[in-house]
Amino acid sequence: MTYRLHISPDVFDMYKQLPELARRDLSLVLVDAQQRPLEHSEPYGQDDGIIRTVAQGHATAVILLGHDTRMLTVLAIAYAGPA
């Protein structure tokens, strides 16, 4: 079952400031995570199956998985690449 994606306005502003290739990479990895979030993400610290990270290229996001609500919430975005 597909998880719904939620990005707060503040995090979305961070996303909009990323270079085009980083936005594309992050979009692709988030779409994959919506289908099978545990398979397309890594634990964030201790593996609780709820707070995870997704990464592709130079972009990384911390996500919160609401298994009961089928909601995938992007908590933070990081970029470590050329401007």
N, C-alpha and C. Protein backbone atom coordinates (compact mmCIF):
# COMPACT_ATOMS: atom_id res chain seq x y z
N MET A 1 0.84 -1.17 0.00
CA MET A 1 0.00 0.00 0.00
C MET A 1 0.89 1.25 0.00
N THR A 2 0.49 2.25 -0.72
CA THR A 2 1.24 3.48 -0.86
C THR A 2 1.03 4.40 0.35
N TYR A 3 2.13 4.94 0.84
CA TYR A 3 2.07 5.94 1.91
C TYR A 3 1.85 7.31 1.27
N ARG A 4 1.09 8.16 1.96
CA ARG A 4 0.91 9.54 1.51
C ARG A 4 2.10 10.36 1.98
N LEU A 5 2.54 11.27 1.16
CA LEU A 5 3.71 12.09 1.46
C LEU A 5 3.25 13.42 2.06
N HIS A 6 3.87 13.79 3.18
CA HIS A 6 3.59 15.09 3.80
C HIS A 6 4.89 15.84 3.99
N ILE A 7 4.93 17.08 3.50
CA ILE A 7 6.08 17.95 3.68
C ILE A 7 5.56 19.29 4.20
N SER A 8 6.05 19.71 5.36
CA SER A 8 5.60 20.98 5.94
C SER A 8 6.07 22.13 5.05
N PRO A 9 5.45 23.28 5.15
CA PRO A 9 5.88 24.44 4.34
C PRO A 9 7.34 24.81 4.57
N ASP A 10 7.83 24.72 5.80
CA ASP A 10 9.24 25.05 6.08
C ASP A 10 10.19 24.08 5.38
N VAL A 11 9.89 22.80 5.46
CA VAL A 11 10.75 21.80 4.80
C VAL A 11 10.62 21.93 3.29
N PHE A 12 9.43 22.25 2.79
CA PHE A 12 9.26 22.43 1.36
C PHE A 12 10.08 23.62 0.86
N ASP A 13 10.18 24.67 1.66
CA ASP A 13 11.04 25.80 1.29
C ASP A 13 12.50 25.36 1.17
N MET A 14 12.95 24.47 2.06
CA MET A 14 14.31 23.94 1.95
C MET A 14 14.46 23.15 0.65
N TYR A 15 13.46 22.35 0.33
CA TYR A 15 13.47 21.56 -0.91
C TYR A 15 13.58 22.47 -2.14
N LYS A 16 12.81 23.55 -2.16
CA LYS A 16 12.81 24.46 -3.31
C LYS A 16 14.16 25.14 -3.50
N GLN A 17 14.96 25.26 -2.45
CA GLN A 17 16.26 25.91 -2.54
C GLN A 17 17.37 24.98 -3.01
N LEU A 18 17.08 23.69 -3.10
CA LEU A 18 18.09 22.73 -3.57
C LEU A 18 18.36 22.94 -5.06
N PRO A 19 19.57 22.61 -5.51
CA PRO A 19 19.83 22.61 -6.95
C PRO A 19 18.90 21.61 -7.65
N GLU A 20 18.66 21.82 -8.91
CA GLU A 20 17.71 21.01 -9.67
C GLU A 20 18.00 19.51 -9.58
N LEU A 21 19.26 19.10 -9.73
CA LEU A 21 19.58 17.67 -9.68
C LEU A 21 19.32 17.09 -8.31
N ALA A 22 19.59 17.84 -7.27
CA ALA A 22 19.32 17.35 -5.91
C ALA A 22 17.82 17.22 -5.67
N ARG A 23 17.02 18.15 -6.19
CA ARG A 23 15.56 18.04 -6.08
C ARG A 23 15.08 16.78 -6.79
N ARG A 24 15.62 16.54 -7.95
CA ARG A 24 15.21 15.33 -8.70
C ARG A 24 15.58 14.07 -7.93
N ASP A 25 16.82 14.01 -7.43
CA ASP A 25 17.26 12.84 -6.68
C ASP A 25 16.38 12.60 -5.46
N LEU A 26 16.09 13.66 -4.72
CA LEU A 26 15.27 13.53 -3.52
C LEU A 26 13.84 13.12 -3.89
N SER A 27 13.31 13.67 -4.95
CA SER A 27 11.96 13.30 -5.39
C SER A 27 11.88 11.82 -5.73
N LEU A 28 12.86 11.33 -6.45
CA LEU A 28 12.86 9.92 -6.86
C LEU A 28 12.92 8.99 -5.66
N VAL A 29 13.79 9.30 -4.70
CA VAL A 29 13.93 8.42 -3.55
C VAL A 29 12.69 8.48 -2.66
N LEU A 30 12.03 9.63 -2.58
CA LEU A 30 10.80 9.73 -1.79
C LEU A 30 9.65 8.96 -2.45
N VAL A 31 9.57 9.01 -3.76
CA VAL A 31 8.53 8.24 -4.46
C VAL A 31 8.74 6.75 -4.24
N ASP A 32 9.98 6.29 -4.32
CA ASP A 32 10.27 4.87 -4.04
C ASP A 32 9.88 4.51 -2.61
N ALA A 33 10.20 5.40 -1.66
CA ALA A 33 9.91 5.13 -0.25
C ALA A 33 8.41 5.08 0.01
N GLN A 34 7.62 5.79 -0.77
CA GLN A 34 6.17 5.75 -0.58
C GLN A 34 5.61 4.36 -0.81
N GLN A 35 6.22 3.59 -1.68
CA GLN A 35 5.72 2.24 -1.99
C GLN A 35 6.13 1.23 -0.93
N ARG A 36 7.42 1.25 -0.56
CA ARG A 36 7.96 0.30 0.42
C ARG A 36 8.98 1.03 1.29
N PRO A 37 8.51 1.77 2.27
CA PRO A 37 9.40 2.65 3.01
C PRO A 37 10.53 1.95 3.77
N LEU A 38 10.30 0.80 4.32
CA LEU A 38 11.36 0.12 5.06
C LEU A 38 12.43 -0.44 4.13
N GLU A 39 12.06 -0.80 2.93
CA GLU A 39 13.02 -1.32 1.96
C GLU A 39 13.83 -0.22 1.29
N HIS A 40 13.27 0.98 1.20
CA HIS A 40 13.92 2.08 0.49
C HIS A 40 14.46 3.14 1.44
N SER A 41 14.71 2.76 2.68
CA SER A 41 15.26 3.71 3.64
C SER A 41 16.20 2.96 4.59
N GLU A 42 16.93 3.75 5.36
CA GLU A 42 17.87 3.20 6.34
C GLU A 42 17.47 3.72 7.72
N PRO A 43 17.83 2.97 8.76
CA PRO A 43 17.52 3.45 10.11
C PRO A 43 18.21 4.78 10.40
N TYR A 44 17.56 5.61 11.16
CA TYR A 44 18.13 6.85 11.65
C TYR A 44 18.47 6.61 13.11
N GLY A 45 19.72 6.32 13.38
CA GLY A 45 20.12 5.91 14.74
C GLY A 45 19.65 4.50 14.99
N GLN A 46 18.97 4.29 16.11
CA GLN A 46 18.45 2.98 16.46
C GLN A 46 17.29 2.64 15.52
N ASP A 47 17.25 1.41 15.04
CA ASP A 47 16.21 1.02 14.09
C ASP A 47 14.90 0.75 14.81
N ASP A 48 14.03 1.77 14.80
CA ASP A 48 12.71 1.62 15.41
C ASP A 48 11.63 1.43 14.36
N GLY A 49 12.02 1.46 13.07
CA GLY A 49 11.06 1.29 11.99
C GLY A 49 10.17 2.48 11.78
N ILE A 50 10.46 3.58 12.48
CA ILE A 50 9.59 4.76 12.39
C ILE A 50 10.35 5.98 11.85
N ILE A 51 11.51 6.27 12.42
CA ILE A 51 12.32 7.39 11.91
C ILE A 51 13.44 6.80 11.08
N ARG A 52 13.48 7.21 9.81
CA ARG A 52 14.40 6.61 8.84
C ARG A 52 15.05 7.71 8.01
N THR A 53 16.03 7.34 7.21
CA THR A 53 16.65 8.27 6.27
C THR A 53 16.56 7.70 4.87
N VAL A 54 16.43 8.60 3.92
CA VAL A 54 16.49 8.24 2.50
C VAL A 54 17.55 9.14 1.88
N ALA A 55 18.27 8.60 0.92
CA ALA A 55 19.33 9.40 0.30
C ALA A 55 19.56 8.94 -1.12
N GLN A 56 19.91 9.91 -1.95
CA GLN A 56 20.31 9.64 -3.33
C GLN A 56 21.13 10.82 -3.79
N GLY A 57 22.23 10.54 -4.45
CA GLY A 57 23.10 11.61 -4.89
C GLY A 57 23.63 12.37 -3.69
N HIS A 58 23.47 13.68 -3.71
CA HIS A 58 23.94 14.53 -2.62
C HIS A 58 22.84 14.95 -1.66
N ALA A 59 21.63 14.43 -1.83
CA ALA A 59 20.49 14.83 -1.01
C ALA A 59 20.07 13.71 -0.06
N THR A 60 19.75 14.10 1.16
CA THR A 60 19.30 13.17 2.19
C THR A 60 18.10 13.77 2.89
N ALA A 61 17.18 12.92 3.30
CA ALA A 61 16.03 13.38 4.08
C ALA A 61 15.80 12.44 5.25
N VAL A 62 15.35 13.00 6.35
CA VAL A 62 14.91 12.22 7.50
C VAL A 62 13.40 12.14 7.39
N ILE A 63 12.87 10.93 7.49
CA ILE A 63 11.43 10.74 7.34
C ILE A 63 10.84 10.06 8.58
N LEU A 64 9.59 10.35 8.81
CA LEU A 64 8.82 9.74 9.89
C LEU A 64 7.74 8.88 9.24
N LEU A 65 7.69 7.62 9.60
CA LEU A 65 6.71 6.71 9.02
C LEU A 65 5.54 6.50 9.98
N GLY A 66 4.38 6.89 9.55
CA GLY A 66 3.15 6.63 10.30
C GLY A 66 2.52 5.38 9.73
N HIS A 67 2.88 4.23 10.26
CA HIS A 67 2.41 2.97 9.69
C HIS A 67 0.89 2.83 9.78
N ASP A 68 0.31 3.29 10.87
CA ASP A 68 -1.15 3.18 11.03
C ASP A 68 -1.90 4.10 10.08
N THR A 69 -1.36 5.28 9.86
CA THR A 69 -2.02 6.26 8.99
C THR A 69 -1.53 6.19 7.55
N ARG A 70 -0.48 5.40 7.30
CA ARG A 70 0.14 5.30 5.97
C ARG A 70 0.62 6.67 5.50
N MET A 71 1.24 7.40 6.42
CA MET A 71 1.75 8.74 6.12
C MET A 71 3.28 8.73 6.24
N LEU A 72 3.95 9.28 5.24
CA LEU A 72 5.39 9.45 5.24
C LEU A 72 5.64 10.96 5.33
N THR A 73 6.21 11.40 6.45
CA THR A 73 6.43 12.82 6.70
C THR A 73 7.93 13.13 6.59
N VAL A 74 8.27 14.12 5.78
CA VAL A 74 9.66 14.54 5.66
C VAL A 74 9.92 15.52 6.80
N LEU A 75 10.87 15.16 7.68
CA LEU A 75 11.18 15.98 8.85
C LEU A 75 12.30 16.98 8.57
N ALA A 76 13.29 16.56 7.77
CA ALA A 76 14.43 17.43 7.50
C ALA A 76 15.08 17.00 6.18
N ILE A 77 15.74 17.96 5.56
CA ILE A 77 16.46 17.72 4.30
C ILE A 77 17.88 18.25 4.48
N ALA A 78 18.83 17.47 3.96
CA ALA A 78 20.23 17.91 3.98
C ALA A 78 20.80 17.77 2.58
N TYR A 79 21.70 18.68 2.25
CA TYR A 79 22.35 18.66 0.93
C TYR A 79 23.85 18.82 1.15
N ALA A 80 24.63 17.95 0.58
CA ALA A 80 26.08 18.00 0.72
C ALA A 80 26.71 17.85 -0.67
N GLY A 81 26.56 18.85 -1.47
CA GLY A 81 27.09 18.79 -2.81
C GLY A 81 27.40 20.17 -3.34
N PRO A 82 27.79 20.23 -4.58
CA PRO A 82 28.11 21.53 -5.19
C PRO A 82 26.85 22.40 -5.31
N ALA A 83 27.05 23.67 -5.22
CA ALA A 83 25.92 24.61 -5.31
C ALA A 83 25.37 24.71 -6.70
